[in-house]
Amino acid sequence: LLQTPIMALYYQMMLGKSYTWFNLPRIIKNLVLFPFEAVLL
């Protein structure tokens, strides 16, 4: 929730690119990693 708009702003202001194509894989990655990270923690 917090990092997505910040990343979109970063890509737009600093790189001049759209963040749309990078957003979904990053979100899926966080969902997949959650149970592994929780158990290891």
All heavy atoms as atom14 arrays in JSON, in Angstrom:
{
  "sequence": "LLQTPIMALYYQMMLGKSYTWFNLPRIIKNLVLFPFEAVLL",
  "atom14_mask": [
    [1, 1, 1, 1, 1, 1, 1, 1, 0, 0, 0, 0, 0, 0],
    [1, 1, 1, 1, 1, 1, 1, 1, 0, 0, 0, 0, 0, 0],
    [1, 1, 1, 1, 1, 1, 1, 1, 1, 0, 0, 0, 0, 0],
    [1, 1, 1, 1, 1, 1, 1, 0, 0, 0, 0, 0, 0, 0],
    [1, 1, 1, 1, 1, 1, 1, 0, 0, 0, 0, 0, 0, 0],
    [1, 1, 1, 1, 1, 1, 1, 1, 0, 0, 0, 0, 0, 0],
    [1, 1, 1, 1, 1, 1, 1, 1, 0, 0, 0, 0, 0, 0],
    [1, 1, 1, 1, 1, 0, 0, 0, 0, 0, 0, 0, 0, 0],
    [1, 1, 1, 1, 1, 1, 1, 1, 0, 0, 0, 0, 0, 0],
    [1, 1, 1, 1, 1, 1, 1, 1, 1, 1, 1, 1, 0, 0],
    [1, 1, 1, 1, 1, 1, 1, 1, 1, 1, 1, 1, 0, 0],
    [1, 1, 1, 1, 1, 1, 1, 1, 1, 0, 0, 0, 0, 0],
    [1, 1, 1, 1, 1, 1, 1, 1, 0, 0, 0, 0, 0, 0],
    [1, 1, 1, 1, 1, 1, 1, 1, 0, 0, 0, 0, 0, 0],
    [1, 1, 1, 1, 1, 1, 1, 1, 0, 0, 0, 0, 0, 0],
    [1, 1, 1, 1, 0, 0, 0, 0, 0, 0, 0, 0, 0, 0],
    [1, 1, 1, 1, 1, 1, 1, 1, 1, 0, 0, 0, 0, 0],
    [1, 1, 1, 1, 1, 1, 0, 0, 0, 0, 0, 0, 0, 0],
    [1, 1, 1, 1, 1, 1, 1, 1, 1, 1, 1, 1, 0, 0],
    [1, 1, 1, 1, 1, 1, 1, 0, 0, 0, 0, 0, 0, 0],
    [1, 1, 1, 1, 1, 1, 1, 1, 1, 1, 1, 1, 1, 1],
    [1, 1, 1, 1, 1, 1, 1, 1, 1, 1, 1, 0, 0, 0],
    [1, 1, 1, 1, 1, 1, 1, 1, 0, 0, 0, 0, 0, 0],
    [1, 1, 1, 1, 1, 1, 1, 1, 0, 0, 0, 0, 0, 0],
    [1, 1, 1, 1, 1, 1, 1, 0, 0, 0, 0, 0, 0, 0],
    [1, 1, 1, 1, 1, 1, 1, 1, 1, 1, 1, 0, 0, 0],
    [1, 1, 1, 1, 1, 1, 1, 1, 0, 0, 0, 0, 0, 0],
    [1, 1, 1, 1, 1, 1, 1, 1, 0, 0, 0, 0, 0, 0],
    [1, 1, 1, 1, 1, 1, 1, 1, 1, 0, 0, 0, 0, 0],
    [1, 1, 1, 1, 1, 1, 1, 1, 0, 0, 0, 0, 0, 0],
    [1, 1, 1, 1, 1, 1, 1, 1, 0, 0, 0, 0, 0, 0],
    [1, 1, 1, 1, 1, 1, 1, 0, 0, 0, 0, 0, 0, 0],
    [1, 1, 1, 1, 1, 1, 1, 1, 0, 0, 0, 0, 0, 0],
    [1, 1, 1, 1, 1, 1, 1, 1, 1, 1, 1, 0, 0, 0],
    [1, 1, 1, 1, 1, 1, 1, 0, 0, 0, 0, 0, 0, 0],
    [1, 1, 1, 1, 1, 1, 1, 1, 1, 1, 1, 0, 0, 0],
    [1, 1, 1, 1, 1, 1, 1, 1, 1, 0, 0, 0, 0, 0],
    [1, 1, 1, 1, 1, 0, 0, 0, 0, 0, 0, 0, 0, 0],
    [1, 1, 1, 1, 1, 1, 1, 0, 0, 0, 0, 0, 0, 0],
    [1, 1, 1, 1, 1, 1, 1, 1, 0, 0, 0, 0, 0, 0],
    [1, 1, 1, 1, 1, 1, 1, 1, 0, 0, 0, 0, 0, 0]
  ],
  "atom14_positions": [
    [[0.81, -1.22, 0.0], [0.0, 0.0, 0.0], [0.84, 1.27, 0.0], [0.54, 2.22, -0.73], [-0.94, 0.0, 1.2], [-2.07, -1.03, 1.21], [-3.02, -0.77, 2.37], [-2.84, -1.02, -0.11], [0.0, 0.0, 0.0], [0.0, 0.0, 0.0], [0.0, 0.0, 0.0], [0.0, 0.0, 0.0], [0.0, 0.0, 0.0], [0.0, 0.0, 0.0]],
    [[1.88, 1.32, 0.84], [2.69, 2.53, 0.93], [3.74, 2.63, -0.16], [3.92, 3.68, -0.78], [3.37, 2.59, 2.3], [4.31, 3.79, 2.54], [3.55, 5.11, 2.41], [4.97, 3.69, 3.92], [0.0, 0.0, 0.0], [0.0, 0.0, 0.0], [0.0, 0.0, 0.0], [0.0, 0.0, 0.0], [0.0, 0.0, 0.0], [0.0, 0.0, 0.0]],
    [[4.41, 1.52, -0.45], [5.53, 1.58, -1.38], [5.08, 1.73, -2.84], [5.81, 2.31, -3.65], [6.41, 0.34, -1.24], [7.75, 0.49, -1.95], [8.72, -0.6, -1.57], [8.33, -1.67, -1.12], [10.0, -0.34, -1.76], [0.0, 0.0, 0.0], [0.0, 0.0, 0.0], [0.0, 0.0, 0.0], [0.0, 0.0, 0.0], [0.0, 0.0, 0.0]],
    [[3.9, 1.23, -3.18], [3.45, 1.3, -4.57], [3.38, 2.74, -5.09], [3.96, 3.05, -6.14], [2.1, 0.6, -4.75], [2.27, -0.8, -4.49], [1.57, 0.78, -6.16], [0.0, 0.0, 0.0], [0.0, 0.0, 0.0], [0.0, 0.0, 0.0], [0.0, 0.0, 0.0], [0.0, 0.0, 0.0], [0.0, 0.0, 0.0], [0.0, 0.0, 0.0]],
    [[2.69, 3.68, -4.42], [2.68, 5.06, -4.93], [4.05, 5.72, -4.9], [4.35, 6.55, -5.76], [1.68, 5.78, -4.01], [1.6, 4.94, -2.78], [1.81, 3.54, -3.23], [0.0, 0.0, 0.0], [0.0, 0.0, 0.0], [0.0, 0.0, 0.0], [0.0, 0.0, 0.0], [0.0, 0.0, 0.0], [0.0, 0.0, 0.0], [0.0, 0.0, 0.0]],
    [[4.88, 5.35, -3.92], [6.22, 5.92, -3.87], [7.05, 5.43, -5.05], [7.78, 6.21, -5.69], [6.91, 5.55, -2.53], [6.2, 6.24, -1.37], [8.38, 5.96, -2.56], [6.76, 5.89, 0.0], [0.0, 0.0, 0.0], [0.0, 0.0, 0.0], [0.0, 0.0, 0.0], [0.0, 0.0, 0.0], [0.0, 0.0, 0.0], [0.0, 0.0, 0.0]],
    [[6.94, 4.14, -5.38], [7.66, 3.6, -6.54], [7.17, 4.23, -7.84], [7.97, 4.55, -8.73], [7.48, 2.09, -6.6], [8.22, 1.32, -5.52], [10.02, 1.38, -5.68], [10.26, 0.35, -7.13], [0.0, 0.0, 0.0], [0.0, 0.0, 0.0], [0.0, 0.0, 0.0], [0.0, 0.0, 0.0], [0.0, 0.0, 0.0], [0.0, 0.0, 0.0]],
    [[5.85, 4.41, -7.94], [5.3, 5.04, -9.15], [5.83, 6.46, -9.31], [6.18, 6.89, -10.42], [3.77, 5.04, -9.07], [0.0, 0.0, 0.0], [0.0, 0.0, 0.0], [0.0, 0.0, 0.0], [0.0, 0.0, 0.0], [0.0, 0.0, 0.0], [0.0, 0.0, 0.0], [0.0, 0.0, 0.0], [0.0, 0.0, 0.0], [0.0, 0.0, 0.0]],
    [[5.9, 7.19, -8.19], [6.43, 8.55, -8.23], [7.91, 8.56, -8.59], [8.38, 9.41, -9.35], [6.21, 9.22, -6.87], [6.46, 10.72, -6.78], [5.5, 11.49, -7.69], [6.29, 11.19, -5.33], [0.0, 0.0, 0.0], [0.0, 0.0, 0.0], [0.0, 0.0, 0.0], [0.0, 0.0, 0.0], [0.0, 0.0, 0.0], [0.0, 0.0, 0.0]],
    [[8.65, 7.59, -8.07], [10.08, 7.48, -8.35], [10.32, 7.23, -9.84], [11.16, 7.89, -10.47], [10.67, 6.35, -7.51], [12.09, 5.97, -7.89], [13.17, 6.75, -7.49], [12.35, 4.83, -8.65], [14.46, 6.4, -7.82], [13.63, 4.47, -8.99], [14.7, 5.27, -8.58], [15.97, 4.93, -8.93], [0.0, 0.0, 0.0], [0.0, 0.0, 0.0]],
    [[9.59, 6.27, -10.41], [9.76, 5.96, -11.83], [9.39, 7.15, -12.7], [10.02, 7.41, -13.73], [8.91, 4.75, -12.2], [9.65, 3.44, -12.06], [9.93, 2.92, -10.8], [10.08, 2.72, -13.17], [10.62, 1.72, -10.66], [10.77, 1.53, -13.03], [11.04, 1.03, -11.77], [11.73, -0.15, -11.63], [0.0, 0.0, 0.0], [0.0, 0.0, 0.0]],
    [[8.37, 7.88, -12.29], [7.92, 9.02, -13.09], [8.89, 10.19, -13.0], [9.27, 10.8, -14.02], [6.53, 9.45, -12.64], [5.98, 10.63, -13.42], [4.6, 11.07, -12.92], [4.07, 10.48, -11.99], [4.06, 12.09, -13.52], [0.0, 0.0, 0.0], [0.0, 0.0, 0.0], [0.0, 0.0, 0.0], [0.0, 0.0, 0.0], [0.0, 0.0, 0.0]],
    [[9.31, 10.54, -11.77], [10.12, 11.74, -11.57], [11.6, 11.5, -11.86], [12.26, 12.37, -12.44], [9.96, 12.22, -10.12], [8.57, 12.73, -9.79], [8.47, 13.33, -8.07], [9.68, 14.67, -8.11], [0.0, 0.0, 0.0], [0.0, 0.0, 0.0], [0.0, 0.0, 0.0], [0.0, 0.0, 0.0], [0.0, 0.0, 0.0], [0.0, 0.0, 0.0]],
    [[12.13, 10.33, -11.48], [13.56, 10.1, -11.58], [13.98, 9.37, -12.85], [15.08, 9.58, -13.36], [14.04, 9.29, -10.36], [13.65, 9.9, -9.01], [14.35, 11.57, -8.75], [16.08, 11.18, -8.59], [0.0, 0.0, 0.0], [0.0, 0.0, 0.0], [0.0, 0.0, 0.0], [0.0, 0.0, 0.0], [0.0, 0.0, 0.0], [0.0, 0.0, 0.0]],
    [[13.1, 8.5, -13.37], [13.46, 7.69, -14.53], [12.64, 8.02, -15.77], [12.97, 7.57, -16.87], [13.31, 6.19, -14.21], [14.09, 5.68, -13.0], [13.83, 4.2, -12.79], [15.59, 5.94, -13.16], [0.0, 0.0, 0.0], [0.0, 0.0, 0.0], [0.0, 0.0, 0.0], [0.0, 0.0, 0.0], [0.0, 0.0, 0.0], [0.0, 0.0, 0.0]],
    [[11.56, 8.77, -15.59], [10.71, 9.12, -16.71], [10.01, 7.92, -17.32], [9.77, 7.88, -18.53], [0.0, 0.0, 0.0], [0.0, 0.0, 0.0], [0.0, 0.0, 0.0], [0.0, 0.0, 0.0], [0.0, 0.0, 0.0], [0.0, 0.0, 0.0], [0.0, 0.0, 0.0], [0.0, 0.0, 0.0], [0.0, 0.0, 0.0], [0.0, 0.0, 0.0]],
    [[9.67, 6.92, -16.5], [9.02, 5.71, -16.98], [7.73, 5.46, -16.21], [7.51, 6.02, -15.14], [9.94, 4.49, -16.82], [11.25, 4.58, -17.58], [12.09, 3.34, -17.32], [13.43, 3.41, -18.04], [14.27, 2.2, -17.77], [0.0, 0.0, 0.0], [0.0, 0.0, 0.0], [0.0, 0.0, 0.0], [0.0, 0.0, 0.0], [0.0, 0.0, 0.0]],
    [[6.91, 4.58, -16.77], [5.7, 4.15, -16.07], [6.02, 2.94, -15.2], [6.78, 2.05, -15.61], [4.6, 3.78, -17.07], [3.5, 3.2, -16.41], [0.0, 0.0, 0.0], [0.0, 0.0, 0.0], [0.0, 0.0, 0.0], [0.0, 0.0, 0.0], [0.0, 0.0, 0.0], [0.0, 0.0, 0.0], [0.0, 0.0, 0.0], [0.0, 0.0, 0.0]],
    [[5.43, 2.88, -14.03], [5.7, 1.79, -13.1], [4.69, 0.65, -13.22], [4.8, -0.37, -12.56], [5.68, 2.33, -11.66], [6.02, 1.32, -10.61], [7.26, 0.69, -10.6], [5.1, 0.98, -9.62], [7.59, -0.25, -9.63], [5.41, 0.04, -8.65], [6.65, -0.56, -8.66], [6.96, -1.49, -7.7], [0.0, 0.0, 0.0], [0.0, 0.0, 0.0]],
    [[3.72, 0.77, -14.11], [2.62, -0.18, -14.21], [3.1, -1.6, -14.41], [2.63, -2.53, -13.75], [1.67, 0.21, -15.36], [1.22, 1.55, -15.15], [0.48, -0.73, -15.4], [0.0, 0.0, 0.0], [0.0, 0.0, 0.0], [0.0, 0.0, 0.0], [0.0, 0.0, 0.0], [0.0, 0.0, 0.0], [0.0, 0.0, 0.0], [0.0, 0.0, 0.0]],
    [[4.07, -1.81, -15.28], [4.52, -3.16, -15.63], [5.31, -3.82, -14.5], [5.44, -5.03, -14.46], [5.36, -3.13, -16.9], [4.56, -2.72, -18.1], [4.57, -1.52, -18.73], [3.61, -3.52, -18.81], [3.69, -1.5, -19.77], [3.08, -2.72, -19.86], [3.14, -4.82, -18.66], [2.13, -3.18, -20.74], [2.18, -5.29, -19.55], [1.69, -4.48, -20.58]],
    [[5.85, -3.01, -13.6], [6.67, -3.56, -12.52], [5.86, -3.79, -11.25], [6.32, -4.48, -10.34], [7.83, -2.59, -12.2], [8.73, -2.33, -13.38], [8.49, -1.25, -14.22], [9.82, -3.15, -13.63], [9.32, -1.0, -15.29], [10.65, -2.91, -14.7], [10.4, -1.83, -15.54], [0.0, 0.0, 0.0], [0.0, 0.0, 0.0], [0.0, 0.0, 0.0]],
    [[4.67, -3.21, -11.17], [3.91, -3.22, -9.93], [3.38, -4.61, -9.56], [3.59, -5.09, -8.45], [2.74, -2.24, -10.04], [2.05, -2.02, -8.72], [2.66, -2.16, -7.66], [0.79, -1.66, -8.76], [0.0, 0.0, 0.0], [0.0, 0.0, 0.0], [0.0, 0.0, 0.0], [0.0, 0.0, 0.0], [0.0, 0.0, 0.0], [0.0, 0.0, 0.0]],
    [[2.71, -5.28, -10.5], [2.08, -6.56, -10.2], [3.1, -7.63, -9.8], [2.88, -8.33, -8.8], [1.26, -7.03, -11.4], [0.44, -8.31, -11.18], [-0.52, -8.13, -10.02], [-0.32, -8.66, -12.45], [0.0, 0.0, 0.0], [0.0, 0.0, 0.0], [0.0, 0.0, 0.0], [0.0, 0.0, 0.0], [0.0, 0.0, 0.0], [0.0, 0.0, 0.0]],
    [[4.23, -7.81, -10.5], [5.2, -8.81, -10.05], [5.72, -8.54, -8.64], [5.93, -9.48, -7.87], [6.33, -8.7, -11.09], [5.66, -8.16, -12.3], [4.61, -7.21, -11.8], [0.0, 0.0, 0.0], [0.0, 0.0, 0.0], [0.0, 0.0, 0.0], [0.0, 0.0, 0.0], [0.0, 0.0, 0.0], [0.0, 0.0, 0.0], [0.0, 0.0, 0.0]],
    [[5.93, -7.28, -8.3], [6.42, -6.96, -6.95], [5.38, -7.31, -5.9], [5.71, -7.84, -4.82], [6.76, -5.46, -6.87], [7.38, -5.05, -5.54], [7.61, -3.56, -5.52], [6.36, -2.83, -5.63], [5.54, -2.58, -4.61], [5.85, -3.02, -3.41], [4.44, -1.9, -4.79], [0.0, 0.0, 0.0], [0.0, 0.0, 0.0], [0.0, 0.0, 0.0]],
    [[4.11, -7.05, -6.2], [3.04, -7.37, -5.25], [2.91, -8.88, -5.07], [2.78, -9.39, -3.95], [1.7, -6.76, -5.73], [1.76, -5.24, -5.57], [0.53, -7.34, -4.96], [0.53, -4.53, -6.09], [0.0, 0.0, 0.0], [0.0, 0.0, 0.0], [0.0, 0.0, 0.0], [0.0, 0.0, 0.0], [0.0, 0.0, 0.0], [0.0, 0.0, 0.0]],
    [[2.97, -9.62, -6.17], [2.89, -11.08, -6.1], [4.07, -11.62, -5.29], [3.93, -12.55, -4.48], [2.86, -11.69, -7.51], [1.56, -11.3, -8.22], [3.01, -13.2, -7.45], [1.49, -11.75, -9.66], [0.0, 0.0, 0.0], [0.0, 0.0, 0.0], [0.0, 0.0, 0.0], [0.0, 0.0, 0.0], [0.0, 0.0, 0.0], [0.0, 0.0, 0.0]],
    [[5.23, -11.04, -5.48], [6.42, -11.46, -4.75], [6.22, -11.3, -3.25], [6.56, -12.19, -2.46], [7.63, -10.65, -5.21], [8.93, -11.0, -4.5], [10.07, -10.16, -5.03], [11.36, -10.46, -4.28], [12.5, -9.64, -4.8], [0.0, 0.0, 0.0], [0.0, 0.0, 0.0], [0.0, 0.0, 0.0], [0.0, 0.0, 0.0], [0.0, 0.0, 0.0]],
    [[5.62, -10.19, -2.82], [5.37, -9.97, -1.4], [4.37, -10.96, -0.85], [4.5, -11.43, 0.28], [4.86, -8.53, -1.18], [5.99, -7.54, -1.0], [6.58, -7.43, 0.05], [6.29, -6.81, -2.07], [0.0, 0.0, 0.0], [0.0, 0.0, 0.0], [0.0, 0.0, 0.0], [0.0, 0.0, 0.0], [0.0, 0.0, 0.0], [0.0, 0.0, 0.0]],
    [[3.36, -11.3, -1.64], [2.37, -12.28, -1.2], [2.98, -13.66, -1.04], [2.7, -14.38, -0.07], [1.21, -12.33, -2.19], [0.31, -11.1, -2.27], [-0.73, -11.28, -3.37], [-0.38, -10.86, -0.94], [0.0, 0.0, 0.0], [0.0, 0.0, 0.0], [0.0, 0.0, 0.0], [0.0, 0.0, 0.0], [0.0, 0.0, 0.0], [0.0, 0.0, 0.0]],
    [[3.83, -14.05, -1.98], [4.45, -15.37, -1.94], [5.44, -15.48, -0.78], [5.52, -16.51, -0.09], [5.14, -15.68, -3.28], [5.95, -16.97, -3.18], [4.12, -15.78, -4.4], [0.0, 0.0, 0.0], [0.0, 0.0, 0.0], [0.0, 0.0, 0.0], [0.0, 0.0, 0.0], [0.0, 0.0, 0.0], [0.0, 0.0, 0.0], [0.0, 0.0, 0.0]],
    [[6.19, -14.41, -0.54], [7.22, -14.44, 0.49], [6.65, -14.36, 1.9], [7.31, -14.8, 2.86], [8.21, -13.29, 0.28], [9.21, -13.44, -0.87], [10.09, -12.21, -0.96], [10.06, -14.68, -0.67], [0.0, 0.0, 0.0], [0.0, 0.0, 0.0], [0.0, 0.0, 0.0], [0.0, 0.0, 0.0], [0.0, 0.0, 0.0], [0.0, 0.0, 0.0]],
    [[5.46, -13.8, 2.06], [4.91, -13.56, 3.39], [4.96, -14.77, 4.32], [5.51, -14.69, 5.43], [3.49, -13.0, 3.3], [2.72, -13.12, 4.57], [3.11, -12.42, 5.71], [1.6, -13.93, 4.65], [2.41, -12.55, 6.9], [0.89, -14.06, 5.83], [1.29, -13.36, 6.96], [0.0, 0.0, 0.0], [0.0, 0.0, 0.0], [0.0, 0.0, 0.0]],
    [[4.42, -15.93, 3.94], [4.45, -17.07, 4.89], [5.87, -17.54, 5.21], [6.15, -17.92, 6.35], [3.65, -18.16, 4.16], [3.63, -17.76, 2.74], [3.69, -16.28, 2.71], [0.0, 0.0, 0.0], [0.0, 0.0, 0.0], [0.0, 0.0, 0.0], [0.0, 0.0, 0.0], [0.0, 0.0, 0.0], [0.0, 0.0, 0.0], [0.0, 0.0, 0.0]],
    [[6.77, -17.51, 4.22], [8.15, -17.91, 4.48], [8.82, -16.94, 5.46], [9.5, -17.37, 6.41], [8.95, -17.95, 3.17], [8.48, -18.99, 2.19], [7.66, -18.63, 1.13], [8.84, -20.32, 2.34], [7.22, -19.58, 0.23], [8.41, -21.28, 1.44], [7.59, -20.91, 0.38], [0.0, 0.0, 0.0], [0.0, 0.0, 0.0], [0.0, 0.0, 0.0]],
    [[8.64, -15.66, 5.24], [9.24, -14.65, 6.11], [8.68, -14.75, 7.52], [9.42, -14.63, 8.51], [8.99, -13.26, 5.54], [9.76, -12.98, 4.27], [9.4, -11.65, 3.65], [8.27, -11.16, 3.89], [10.23, -11.08, 2.93], [0.0, 0.0, 0.0], [0.0, 0.0, 0.0], [0.0, 0.0, 0.0], [0.0, 0.0, 0.0], [0.0, 0.0, 0.0]],
    [[7.37, -14.98, 7.64], [6.74, -15.07, 8.95], [7.28, -16.27, 9.74], [7.62, -16.14, 10.92], [5.23, -15.17, 8.8], [0.0, 0.0, 0.0], [0.0, 0.0, 0.0], [0.0, 0.0, 0.0], [0.0, 0.0, 0.0], [0.0, 0.0, 0.0], [0.0, 0.0, 0.0], [0.0, 0.0, 0.0], [0.0, 0.0, 0.0], [0.0, 0.0, 0.0]],
    [[7.38, -17.41, 9.1], [7.88, -18.62, 9.78], [9.34, -18.45, 10.19], [9.72, -18.77, 11.32], [7.72, -19.86, 8.87], [8.45, -21.06, 9.45], [6.24, -20.18, 8.68], [0.0, 0.0, 0.0], [0.0, 0.0, 0.0], [0.0, 0.0, 0.0], [0.0, 0.0, 0.0], [0.0, 0.0, 0.0], [0.0, 0.0, 0.0], [0.0, 0.0, 0.0]],
    [[10.17, -17.93, 9.3], [11.58, -17.73, 9.63], [11.75, -16.71, 10.75], [12.63, -16.86, 11.6], [12.36, -17.28, 8.39], [12.59, -18.34, 7.32], [13.3, -17.75, 6.11], [13.43, -19.49, 7.89], [0.0, 0.0, 0.0], [0.0, 0.0, 0.0], [0.0, 0.0, 0.0], [0.0, 0.0, 0.0], [0.0, 0.0, 0.0], [0.0, 0.0, 0.0]],
    [[10.9, -15.69, 10.76], [10.98, -14.69, 11.82], [10.6, -15.29, 13.17], [11.21, -14.99, 14.2], [10.08, -13.51, 11.49], [10.16, -12.29, 12.43], [11.59, -11.78, 12.5], [9.23, -11.19, 11.96], [0.0, 0.0, 0.0], [0.0, 0.0, 0.0], [0.0, 0.0, 0.0], [0.0, 0.0, 0.0], [0.0, 0.0, 0.0], [0.0, 0.0, 0.0]]
  ]
}
